[in-house]
Amino acid sequence: KGNQYKAEKDAVLTVSRIDDVKEAKKGDTITIDTVLLVSDGDKVSVGTPYVKGAKVTVEVGETFKDDKVLVLKYKSKKDYHRLHGHREQYTKVTVKDIAF
């Protein structure tokens, strides 16, 4: 979906909802192999486009909705207005392991 996240071991990340794509439920473990950059303190590996052999293992947590965002569209003096609400869905994941 075009998002990049900085993952550290045992970190809890809030990411865009993933159970649509991966069909993962709460408590499942997912391995992500599309890693762009890896650093262990001494050595930095930058992928072209991805780092070969690098994998991040995460445990899926709860899925929740963000606060509602209201979008108002109107044209002045024409008696035209539309109000639309939207709630983005997110999933919390816990980073279990980073291997490279």
PDB file of N, CA and C in Angstrom:
ATOM      1  N   LYS A   1       0.814  -1.206   0.000  1.00  0.00           N
ATOM      2  CA  LYS A   1       0.000   0.000   0.000  1.00  0.00           C
ATOM      3  C   LYS A   1       0.850   1.261   0.000  1.00  0.00           C
ATOM      4  N   GLY A   2       2.151   1.101  -0.100  1.00  0.00           N
ATOM      5  CA  GLY A   2       3.000   2.273  -0.212  1.00  0.00           C
ATOM      6  C   GLY A   2       3.468   2.856   1.103  1.00  0.00           C
ATOM      7  N   ASN A   3       3.463   2.066   2.174  1.00  0.00           N
ATOM      8  CA  ASN A   3       3.909   2.577   3.464  1.00  0.00           C
ATOM      9  C   ASN A   3       5.230   1.929   3.859  1.00  0.00           C
ATOM     10  N   GLN A   4       6.074   2.698   4.569  1.00  0.00           N
ATOM     11  CA  GLN A   4       7.328   2.177   5.093  1.00  0.00           C
ATOM     12  C   GLN A   4       7.314   2.337   6.606  1.00  0.00           C
ATOM     13  N   TYR A   5       7.799   1.308   7.312  1.00  0.00           N
ATOM     14  CA  TYR A   5       7.807   1.325   8.764  1.00  0.00           C
ATOM     15  C   TYR A   5       9.200   0.983   9.267  1.00  0.00           C
ATOM     16  N   LYS A   6       9.606   1.620  10.359  1.00  0.00           N
ATOM     17  CA  LYS A   6      10.884   1.321  10.996  1.00  0.00           C
ATOM     18  C   LYS A   6      10.623   0.262  12.059  1.00  0.00           C
ATOM     19  N   ALA A   7      11.201  -0.920  11.871  1.00  0.00           N
ATOM     20  CA  ALA A   7      10.958  -2.041  12.774  1.00  0.00           C
ATOM     21  C   ALA A   7      12.169  -2.275  13.664  1.00  0.00           C
ATOM     22  N   GLU A   8      11.924  -2.404  14.952  1.00  0.00           N
ATOM     23  CA  GLU A   8      12.939  -2.777  15.928  1.00  0.00           C
ATOM     24  C   GLU A   8      12.399  -3.957  16.716  1.00  0.00           C
ATOM     25  N   LYS A   9      13.280  -4.795  17.210  1.00  0.00           N
ATOM     26  CA  LYS A   9      12.848  -5.984  17.935  1.00  0.00           C
ATOM     27  C   LYS A   9      11.986  -5.603  19.138  1.00  0.00           C
ATOM     28  N   ASP A  10      10.884  -6.313  19.313  1.00  0.00           N
ATOM     29  CA  ASP A  10       9.899  -6.132  20.391  1.00  0.00           C
ATOM     30  C   ASP A  10       9.145  -4.810  20.307  1.00  0.00           C
ATOM     31  N   ALA A  11       9.218  -4.121  19.179  1.00  0.00           N
ATOM     32  CA  ALA A  11       8.469  -2.872  19.007  1.00  0.00           C
ATOM     33  C   ALA A  11       7.038  -3.198  18.583  1.00  0.00           C
ATOM     34  N   VAL A  12       6.096  -2.367  19.030  1.00  0.00           N
ATOM     35  CA  VAL A  12       4.695  -2.497  18.623  1.00  0.00           C
ATOM     36  C   VAL A  12       4.422  -1.411  17.595  1.00  0.00           C
ATOM     37  N   LEU A  13       4.045  -1.830  16.380  1.00  0.00           N
ATOM     38  CA  LEU A  13       3.795  -0.900  15.284  1.00  0.00           C
ATOM     39  C   LEU A  13       2.315  -0.871  14.940  1.00  0.00           C
ATOM     40  N   THR A  14       1.830   0.293  14.575  1.00  0.00           N
ATOM     41  CA  THR A  14       0.472   0.433  14.063  1.00  0.00           C
ATOM     42  C   THR A  14       0.584   0.573  12.554  1.00  0.00           C
ATOM     43  N   VAL A  15       0.091  -0.446  11.835  1.00  0.00           N
ATOM     44  CA  VAL A  15       0.211  -0.486  10.377  1.00  0.00           C
ATOM     45  C   VAL A  15      -1.178  -0.508   9.755  1.00  0.00           C
ATOM     46  N   SER A  16      -1.240  -0.246   8.461  1.00  0.00           N
ATOM     47  CA  SER A  16      -2.503  -0.352   7.749  1.00  0.00           C
ATOM     48  C   SER A  16      -3.029  -1.777   7.887  1.00  0.00           C
ATOM     49  N   ARG A  17      -4.336  -1.933   7.866  1.00  0.00           N
ATOM     50  CA  ARG A  17      -4.955  -3.234   8.106  1.00  0.00           C
ATOM     51  C   ARG A  17      -4.368  -4.292   7.177  1.00  0.00           C
ATOM     52  N   ILE A  18      -3.905  -5.422   7.753  1.00  0.00           N
ATOM     53  CA  ILE A  18      -3.238  -6.440   6.949  1.00  0.00           C
ATOM     54  C   ILE A  18      -4.039  -7.719   6.800  1.00  0.00           C
ATOM     55  N   ASP A  19      -5.088  -7.944   7.576  1.00  0.00           N
ATOM     56  CA  ASP A  19      -5.787  -9.214   7.462  1.00  0.00           C
ATOM     57  C   ASP A  19      -6.615  -9.325   6.191  1.00  0.00           C
ATOM     58  N   ASP A  20      -6.799  -8.225   5.443  1.00  0.00           N
ATOM     59  CA  ASP A  20      -7.424  -8.313   4.125  1.00  0.00           C
ATOM     60  C   ASP A  20      -6.492  -9.034   3.156  1.00  0.00           C
ATOM     61  N   VAL A  21      -5.220  -8.679   3.187  1.00  0.00           N
ATOM     62  CA  VAL A  21      -4.255  -9.185   2.220  1.00  0.00           C
ATOM     63  C   VAL A  21      -3.728 -10.561   2.624  1.00  0.00           C
ATOM     64  N   LYS A  22      -3.281 -10.693   3.840  1.00  0.00           N
ATOM     65  CA  LYS A  22      -2.627 -11.918   4.295  1.00  0.00           C
ATOM     66  C   LYS A  22      -3.595 -12.913   4.939  1.00  0.00           C
ATOM     67  N   GLU A  23      -4.836 -12.507   5.182  1.00  0.00           N
ATOM     68  CA  GLU A  23      -5.835 -13.324   5.868  1.00  0.00           C
ATOM     69  C   GLU A  23      -5.299 -13.824   7.206  1.00  0.00           C
ATOM     70  N   ALA A  24      -4.688 -12.937   7.954  1.00  0.00           N
ATOM     71  CA  ALA A  24      -4.115 -13.270   9.247  1.00  0.00           C
ATOM     72  C   ALA A  24      -5.081 -12.864  10.351  1.00  0.00           C
ATOM     73  N   LYS A  25      -5.131 -13.656  11.380  1.00  0.00           N
ATOM     74  CA  LYS A  25      -5.973 -13.379  12.536  1.00  0.00           C
ATOM     75  C   LYS A  25      -5.088 -12.982  13.715  1.00  0.00           C
ATOM     76  N   LYS A  26      -5.717 -12.491  14.772  1.00  0.00           N
ATOM     77  CA  LYS A  26      -4.981 -12.076  15.965  1.00  0.00           C
ATOM     78  C   LYS A  26      -4.207 -13.264  16.530  1.00  0.00           C
ATOM     79  N   GLY A  27      -2.926 -13.052  16.794  1.00  0.00           N
ATOM     80  CA  GLY A  27      -2.071 -14.098  17.328  1.00  0.00           C
ATOM     81  C   GLY A  27      -1.263 -14.841  16.278  1.00  0.00           C
ATOM     82  N   ASP A  28      -1.597 -14.680  14.994  1.00  0.00           N
ATOM     83  CA  ASP A  28      -0.847 -15.334  13.922  1.00  0.00           C
ATOM     84  C   ASP A  28       0.512 -14.662  13.740  1.00  0.00           C
ATOM     85  N   THR A  29       1.448 -15.404  13.160  1.00  0.00           N
ATOM     86  CA  THR A  29       2.778 -14.886  12.865  1.00  0.00           C
ATOM     87  C   THR A  29       2.929 -14.747  11.357  1.00  0.00           C
ATOM     88  N   ILE A  30       3.443 -13.599  10.916  1.00  0.00           N
ATOM     89  CA  ILE A  30       3.643 -13.320   9.497  1.00  0.00           C
ATOM     90  C   ILE A  30       5.117 -13.001   9.276  1.00  0.00           C
ATOM     91  N   THR A  31       5.671 -13.493   8.170  1.00  0.00           N
ATOM     92  CA  THR A  31       7.040 -13.170   7.785  1.00  0.00           C
ATOM     93  C   THR A  31       7.001 -12.202   6.613  1.00  0.00           C
ATOM     94  N   ILE A  32       7.665 -11.066   6.762  1.00  0.00           N
ATOM     95  CA  ILE A  32       7.712 -10.037   5.727  1.00  0.00           C
ATOM     96  C   ILE A  32       9.118 -10.048   5.134  1.00  0.00           C
ATOM     97  N   ASP A  33       9.196 -10.258   3.808  1.00  0.00           N
ATOM     98  CA  ASP A  33      10.515 -10.339   3.171  1.00  0.00           C
ATOM     99  C   ASP A  33      10.808  -9.152   2.258  1.00  0.00           C
ATOM    100  N   THR A  34       9.957  -8.148   2.251  1.00  0.00           N
ATOM    101  CA  THR A  34      10.196  -6.946   1.444  1.00  0.00           C
ATOM    102  C   THR A  34      10.832  -5.878   2.329  1.00  0.00           C
ATOM    103  N   VAL A  35      12.095  -6.111   2.685  1.00  0.00           N
ATOM    104  CA  VAL A  35      12.844  -5.236   3.587  1.00  0.00           C
ATOM    105  C   VAL A  35      13.724  -4.315   2.745  1.00  0.00           C
ATOM    106  N   LEU A  36      13.619  -3.008   2.974  1.00  0.00           N
ATOM    107  CA  LEU A  36      14.358  -2.030   2.181  1.00  0.00           C
ATOM    108  C   LEU A  36      15.751  -1.731   2.721  1.00  0.00           C
ATOM    109  N   LEU A  37      15.923  -1.745   4.051  1.00  0.00           N
ATOM    110  CA  LEU A  37      17.205  -1.388   4.660  1.00  0.00           C
ATOM    111  C   LEU A  37      17.363  -2.151   5.963  1.00  0.00           C
ATOM    112  N   VAL A  38      18.574  -2.629   6.228  1.00  0.00           N
ATOM    113  CA  VAL A  38      18.872  -3.341   7.468  1.00  0.00           C
ATOM    114  C   VAL A  38      20.145  -2.762   8.060  1.00  0.00           C
ATOM    115  N   SER A  39      20.129  -2.523   9.375  1.00  0.00           N
ATOM    116  CA  SER A  39      21.312  -2.031  10.072  1.00  0.00           C
ATOM    117  C   SER A  39      21.455  -2.784  11.387  1.00  0.00           C
ATOM    118  N   ASP A  40      22.683  -3.245  11.679  1.00  0.00           N
ATOM    119  CA  ASP A  40      22.926  -3.927  12.952  1.00  0.00           C
ATOM    120  C   ASP A  40      23.846  -3.111  13.857  1.00  0.00           C
ATOM    121  N   GLY A  41      24.001  -1.839  13.570  1.00  0.00           N
ATOM    122  CA  GLY A  41      24.861  -0.980  14.371  1.00  0.00           C
ATOM    123  C   GLY A  41      26.187  -0.710  13.693  1.00  0.00           C
ATOM    124  N   ASP A  42      26.808  -1.757  13.118  1.00  0.00           N
ATOM    125  CA  ASP A  42      28.088  -1.603  12.425  1.00  0.00           C
ATOM    126  C   ASP A  42      27.908  -1.574  10.913  1.00  0.00           C
ATOM    127  N   LYS A  43      27.097  -2.489  10.420  1.00  0.00           N
ATOM    128  CA  LYS A  43      26.941  -2.664   8.981  1.00  0.00           C
ATOM    129  C   LYS A  43      25.539  -2.249   8.545  1.00  0.00           C
ATOM    130  N   VAL A  44      25.462  -1.513   7.429  1.00  0.00           N
ATOM    131  CA  VAL A  44      24.178  -1.089   6.869  1.00  0.00           C
ATOM    132  C   VAL A  44      24.035  -1.712   5.488  1.00  0.00           C
ATOM    133  N   SER A  45      22.907  -2.377   5.255  1.00  0.00           N
ATOM    134  CA  SER A  45      22.628  -2.976   3.945  1.00  0.00           C
ATOM    135  C   SER A  45      21.412  -2.294   3.346  1.00  0.00           C
ATOM    136  N   VAL A  46      21.593  -1.734   2.149  1.00  0.00           N
ATOM    137  CA  VAL A  46      20.501  -1.068   1.445  1.00  0.00           C
ATOM    138  C   VAL A  46      20.109  -1.946   0.273  1.00  0.00           C
ATOM    139  N   GLY A  47      18.820  -2.208   0.132  1.00  0.00           N
ATOM    140  CA  GLY A  47      18.343  -3.083  -0.927  1.00  0.00           C
ATOM    141  C   GLY A  47      18.194  -2.383  -2.258  1.00  0.00           C
ATOM    142  N   THR A  48      18.199  -3.191  -3.323  1.00  0.00           N
ATOM    143  CA  THR A  48      17.976  -2.665  -4.672  1.00  0.00           C
ATOM    144  C   THR A  48      16.963  -3.544  -5.389  1.00  0.00           C
ATOM    145  N   PRO A  49      15.701  -3.513  -5.177  1.00  0.00           N
ATOM    146  CA  PRO A  49      14.992  -2.668  -4.224  1.00  0.00           C
ATOM    147  C   PRO A  49      14.898  -3.267  -2.825  1.00  0.00           C
ATOM    148  N   TYR A  50      15.095  -4.595  -2.678  1.00  0.00           N
ATOM    149  CA  TYR A  50      14.972  -5.225  -1.363  1.00  0.00           C
ATOM    150  C   TYR A  50      16.287  -5.884  -0.970  1.00  0.00           C
ATOM    151  N   VAL A  51      16.500  -6.028   0.342  1.00  0.00           N
ATOM    152  CA  VAL A  51      17.691  -6.694   0.859  1.00  0.00           C
ATOM    153  C   VAL A  51      17.466  -8.202   0.757  1.00  0.00           C
ATOM    154  N   LYS A  52      18.363  -8.898   0.045  1.00  0.00           N
ATOM    155  CA  LYS A  52      18.212 -10.342  -0.131  1.00  0.00           C
ATOM    156  C   LYS A  52      18.456 -11.055   1.191  1.00  0.00           C
ATOM    157  N   GLY A  53      17.566 -11.977   1.521  1.00  0.00           N
ATOM    158  CA  GLY A  53      17.703 -12.772   2.731  1.00  0.00           C
ATOM    159  C   GLY A  53      17.214 -12.104   3.997  1.00  0.00           C
ATOM    160  N   ALA A  54      16.812 -10.857   3.929  1.00  0.00           N
ATOM    161  CA  ALA A  54      16.327 -10.154   5.121  1.00  0.00           C
ATOM    162  C   ALA A  54      14.842 -10.441   5.316  1.00  0.00           C
ATOM    163  N   LYS A  55      14.480 -10.764   6.552  1.00  0.00           N
ATOM    164  CA  LYS A  55      13.087 -11.060   6.868  1.00  0.00           C
ATOM    165  C   LYS A  55      12.742 -10.476   8.226  1.00  0.00           C
ATOM    166  N   VAL A  56      11.513  -9.997   8.332  1.00  0.00           N
ATOM    167  CA  VAL A  56      10.998  -9.494   9.600  1.00  0.00           C
ATOM    168  C   VAL A  56       9.803 -10.361   9.968  1.00  0.00           C
ATOM    169  N   THR A  57       9.829 -10.937  11.167  1.00  0.00           N
ATOM    170  CA  THR A  57       8.731 -11.765  11.648  1.00  0.00           C
ATOM    171  C   THR A  57       7.924 -10.948  12.648  1.00  0.00           C
ATOM    172  N   VAL A  58       6.616 -10.844  12.393  1.00  0.00           N
ATOM    173  CA  VAL A  58       5.740 -10.065  13.264  1.00  0.00           C
ATOM    174  C   VAL A  58       4.574 -10.923  13.728  1.00  0.00           C
ATOM    175  N   GLU A  59       4.063 -10.586  14.914  1.00  0.00           N
ATOM    176  CA  GLU A  59       2.859 -11.231  15.444  1.00  0.00           C
ATOM    177  C   GLU A  59       1.710 -10.243  15.322  1.00  0.00           C
ATOM    178  N   VAL A  60       0.609 -10.702  14.753  1.00  0.00           N
ATOM    179  CA  VAL A  60      -0.544  -9.844  14.510  1.00  0.00           C
ATOM    180  C   VAL A  60      -1.290  -9.612  15.817  1.00  0.00           C
ATOM    181  N   GLY A  61      -1.615  -8.343  16.081  1.00  0.00           N
ATOM    182  CA  GLY A  61      -2.383  -7.979  17.264  1.00  0.00           C
ATOM    183  C   GLY A  61      -3.803  -7.613  16.881  1.00  0.00           C
ATOM    184  N   GLU A  62      -4.349  -6.643  17.582  1.00  0.00           N
ATOM    185  CA  GLU A  62      -5.738  -6.266  17.347  1.00  0.00           C
ATOM    186  C   GLU A  62      -5.890  -5.380  16.113  1.00  0.00           C
ATOM    187  N   THR A  63      -7.072  -5.461  15.499  1.00  0.00           N
ATOM    188  CA  THR A  63      -7.445  -4.587  14.394  1.00  0.00           C
ATOM    189  C   THR A  63      -8.439  -3.573  14.937  1.00  0.00           C
ATOM    190  N   PHE A  64      -8.255  -2.306  14.593  1.00  0.00           N
ATOM    191  CA  PHE A  64      -9.136  -1.264  15.114  1.00  0.00           C
ATOM    192  C   PHE A  64      -9.329  -0.174  14.076  1.00  0.00           C
ATOM    193  N   LYS A  65     -10.298   0.703  14.331  1.00  0.00           N
ATOM    194  CA  LYS A  65     -10.571   1.823  13.440  1.00  0.00           C
ATOM    195  C   LYS A  65     -10.068   3.112  14.070  1.00  0.00           C
ATOM    196  N   ASP A  66      -9.562   4.000  13.235  1.00  0.00           N
ATOM    197  CA  ASP A  66      -9.096   5.307  13.671  1.00  0.00           C
ATOM    198  C   ASP A  66     -10.303   6.217  13.881  1.00  0.00           C
ATOM    199  N   ASP A  67     -10.071   7.418  14.373  1.00  0.00           N
ATOM    200  CA  ASP A  67     -11.149   8.385  14.537  1.00  0.00           C
ATOM    201  C   ASP A  67     -11.742   8.746  13.186  1.00  0.00           C
ATOM    202  N   LYS A  68     -13.014   9.122  13.194  1.00  0.00           N
ATOM    203  CA  LYS A  68     -13.698   9.464  11.957  1.00  0.00           C
ATOM    204  C   LYS A  68     -13.198  10.800  11.420  1.00  0.00           C
ATOM    205  N   VAL A  69     -12.973  10.829  10.114  1.00  0.00           N
ATOM    206  CA  VAL A  69     -12.579  12.046   9.413  1.00  0.00           C
ATOM    207  C   VAL A  69     -13.753  12.448   8.541  1.00  0.00           C
ATOM    208  N   LEU A  70     -14.214  13.696   8.679  1.00  0.00           N
ATOM    209  CA  LEU A  70     -15.338  14.178   7.888  1.00  0.00           C
ATOM    210  C   LEU A  70     -14.834  14.977   6.699  1.00  0.00           C
ATOM    211  N   VAL A  71     -15.405  14.691   5.540  1.00  0.00           N
ATOM    212  CA  VAL A  71     -15.039  15.383   4.310  1.00  0.00           C
ATOM    213  C   VAL A  71     -16.282  16.099   3.811  1.00  0.00           C
ATOM    214  N   LEU A  72     -16.199  17.422   3.652  1.00  0.00           N
ATOM    215  CA  LEU A  72     -17.326  18.228   3.192  1.00  0.00           C
ATOM    216  C   LEU A  72     -16.999  18.802   1.827  1.00  0.00           C
ATOM    217  N   LYS A  73     -17.914  18.578   0.897  1.00  0.00           N
ATOM    218  CA  LYS A  73     -17.757  19.112  -0.451  1.00  0.00           C
ATOM    219  C   LYS A  73     -18.978  19.981  -0.722  1.00  0.00           C
ATOM    220  N   TYR A  74     -18.768  21.226  -1.158  1.00  0.00           N
ATOM    221  CA  TYR A  74     -19.918  22.086  -1.434  1.00  0.00           C
ATOM    222  C   TYR A  74     -19.577  23.111  -2.499  1.00  0.00           C
ATOM    223  N   LYS A  75     -20.616  23.655  -3.075  1.00  0.00           N
ATOM    224  CA  LYS A  75     -20.483  24.750  -4.034  1.00  0.00           C
ATOM    225  C   LYS A  75     -21.307  25.914  -3.497  1.00  0.00           C
ATOM    226  N   SER A  76     -20.655  27.060  -3.358  1.00  0.00           N
ATOM    227  CA  SER A  76     -21.337  28.207  -2.771  1.00  0.00           C
ATOM    228  C   SER A  76     -22.453  28.717  -3.681  1.00  0.00           C
ATOM    229  N   LYS A  77     -23.516  29.149  -3.071  1.00  0.00           N
ATOM    230  CA  LYS A  77     -24.678  29.757  -3.742  1.00  0.00           C
ATOM    231  C   LYS A  77     -25.411  28.806  -4.682  1.00  0.00           C
ATOM    232  N   LYS A  78     -25.133  27.520  -4.634  1.00  0.00           N
ATOM    233  CA  LYS A  78     -25.790  26.566  -5.532  1.00  0.00           C
ATOM    234  C   LYS A  78     -26.602  25.515  -4.771  1.00  0.00           C
ATOM    235  N   ASP A  79     -26.690  25.634  -3.448  1.00  0.00           N
ATOM    236  CA  ASP A  79     -27.431  24.683  -2.610  1.00  0.00           C
ATOM    237  C   ASP A  79     -26.955  23.242  -2.842  1.00  0.00           C
ATOM    238  N   TYR A  80     -25.644  23.069  -2.945  1.00  0.00           N
ATOM    239  CA  TYR A  80     -25.061  21.748  -3.152  1.00  0.00           C
ATOM    240  C   TYR A  80     -24.033  21.499  -2.060  1.00  0.00           C
ATOM    241  N   HIS A  81     -24.230  20.430  -1.293  1.00  0.00           N
ATOM    242  CA  HIS A  81     -23.239  20.036  -0.303  1.00  0.00           C
ATOM    243  C   HIS A  81     -23.345  18.536  -0.053  1.00  0.00           C
ATOM    244  N   ARG A  82     -22.196  17.919   0.177  1.00  0.00           N
ATOM    245  CA  ARG A  82     -22.115  16.500   0.472  1.00  0.00           C
ATOM    246  C   ARG A  82     -21.169  16.328   1.659  1.00  0.00           C
ATOM    247  N   LEU A  83     -21.617  15.556   2.638  1.00  0.00           N
ATOM    248  CA  LEU A  83     -20.808  15.258   3.812  1.00  0.00           C
ATOM    249  C   LEU A  83     -20.532  13.759   3.819  1.00  0.00           C
ATOM    250  N   HIS A  84     -19.261  13.413   3.888  1.00  0.00           N
ATOM    251  CA  HIS A  84     -18.857  12.008   3.843  1.00  0.00           C
ATOM    252  C   HIS A  84     -17.918  11.738   5.015  1.00  0.00           C
ATOM    253  N   GLY A  85     -18.150  10.638   5.732  1.00  0.00           N
ATOM    254  CA  GLY A  85     -17.288  10.249   6.840  1.00  0.00           C
ATOM    255  C   GLY A  85     -16.450   9.032   6.479  1.00  0.00           C
ATOM    256  N   HIS A  86     -15.249   8.948   7.060  1.00  0.00           N
ATOM    257  CA  HIS A  86     -14.350   7.836   6.756  1.00  0.00           C
ATOM    258  C   HIS A  86     -13.555   7.474   8.008  1.00  0.00           C
ATOM    259  N   ARG A  87     -13.453   6.154   8.285  1.00  0.00           N
ATOM    260  CA  ARG A  87     -12.635   5.663   9.390  1.00  0.00           C
ATOM    261  C   ARG A  87     -11.633   4.659   8.845  1.00  0.00           C
ATOM    262  N   GLU A  88     -10.353   5.015   8.914  1.00  0.00           N
ATOM    263  CA  GLU A  88      -9.289   4.138   8.420  1.00  0.00           C
ATOM    264  C   GLU A  88      -9.107   2.967   9.385  1.00  0.00           C
ATOM    265  N   GLN A  89      -8.832   1.772   8.848  1.00  0.00           N
ATOM    266  CA  GLN A  89      -8.638   0.587   9.673  1.00  0.00           C
ATOM    267  C   GLN A  89      -7.147   0.282   9.803  1.00  0.00           C
ATOM    268  N   TYR A  90      -6.732  -0.048  11.022  1.00  0.00           N
ATOM    269  CA  TYR A  90      -5.332  -0.320  11.326  1.00  0.00           C
ATOM    270  C   TYR A  90      -5.196  -1.640  12.073  1.00  0.00           C
ATOM    271  N   THR A  91      -3.979  -2.184  12.073  1.00  0.00           N
ATOM    272  CA  THR A  91      -3.655  -3.393  12.817  1.00  0.00           C
ATOM    273  C   THR A  91      -2.390  -3.129  13.622  1.00  0.00           C
ATOM    274  N   LYS A  92      -2.392  -3.561  14.879  1.00  0.00           N
ATOM    275  CA  LYS A  92      -1.180  -3.478  15.697  1.00  0.00           C
ATOM    276  C   LYS A  92      -0.402  -4.776  15.514  1.00  0.00           C
ATOM    277  N   VAL A  93       0.898  -4.648  15.261  1.00  0.00           N
ATOM    278  CA  VAL A  93       1.769  -5.816  15.130  1.00  0.00           C
ATOM    279  C   VAL A  93       2.964  -5.646  16.064  1.00  0.00           C
ATOM    280  N   THR A  94       3.455  -6.774  16.568  1.00  0.00           N
ATOM    281  CA  THR A  94       4.633  -6.785  17.424  1.00  0.00           C
ATOM    282  C   THR A  94       5.770  -7.459  16.666  1.00  0.00           C
ATOM    283  N   VAL A  95       6.906  -6.780  16.556  1.00  0.00           N
ATOM    284  CA  VAL A  95       8.065  -7.327  15.843  1.00  0.00           C
ATOM    285  C   VAL A  95       8.728  -8.360  16.745  1.00  0.00           C
ATOM    286  N   LYS A  96       8.789  -9.602  16.262  1.00  0.00           N
ATOM    287  CA  LYS A  96       9.375 -10.691  17.043  1.00  0.00           C
ATOM    288  C   LYS A  96      10.840 -10.939  16.691  1.00  0.00           C
ATOM    289  N   ASP A  97      11.173 -10.870  15.388  1.00  0.00           N
ATOM    290  CA  ASP A  97      12.534 -11.195  14.980  1.00  0.00           C
ATOM    291  C   ASP A  97      12.880 -10.465  13.689  1.00  0.00           C
ATOM    292  N   ILE A  98      14.137 -10.057  13.580  1.00  0.00           N
ATOM    293  CA  ILE A  98      14.661  -9.460  12.354  1.00  0.00           C
ATOM    294  C   ILE A  98      15.887 -10.279  11.966  1.00  0.00           C
ATOM    295  N   ALA A  99      15.803 -10.957  10.809  1.00  0.00           N
ATOM    296  CA  ALA A  99      16.901 -11.820  10.362  1.00  0.00           C
ATOM    297  C   ALA A  99      17.448 -11.320   9.036  1.00  0.00           C
ATOM    298  N   PHE A 100      18.790 -11.351   8.902  1.00  0.00           N
ATOM    299  CA  PHE A 100      19.421 -10.965   7.636  1.00  0.00           C
ATOM    300  C   PHE A 100      20.761 -11.643   7.485  1.00  0.00           C
TER     301      PHE A 100
END
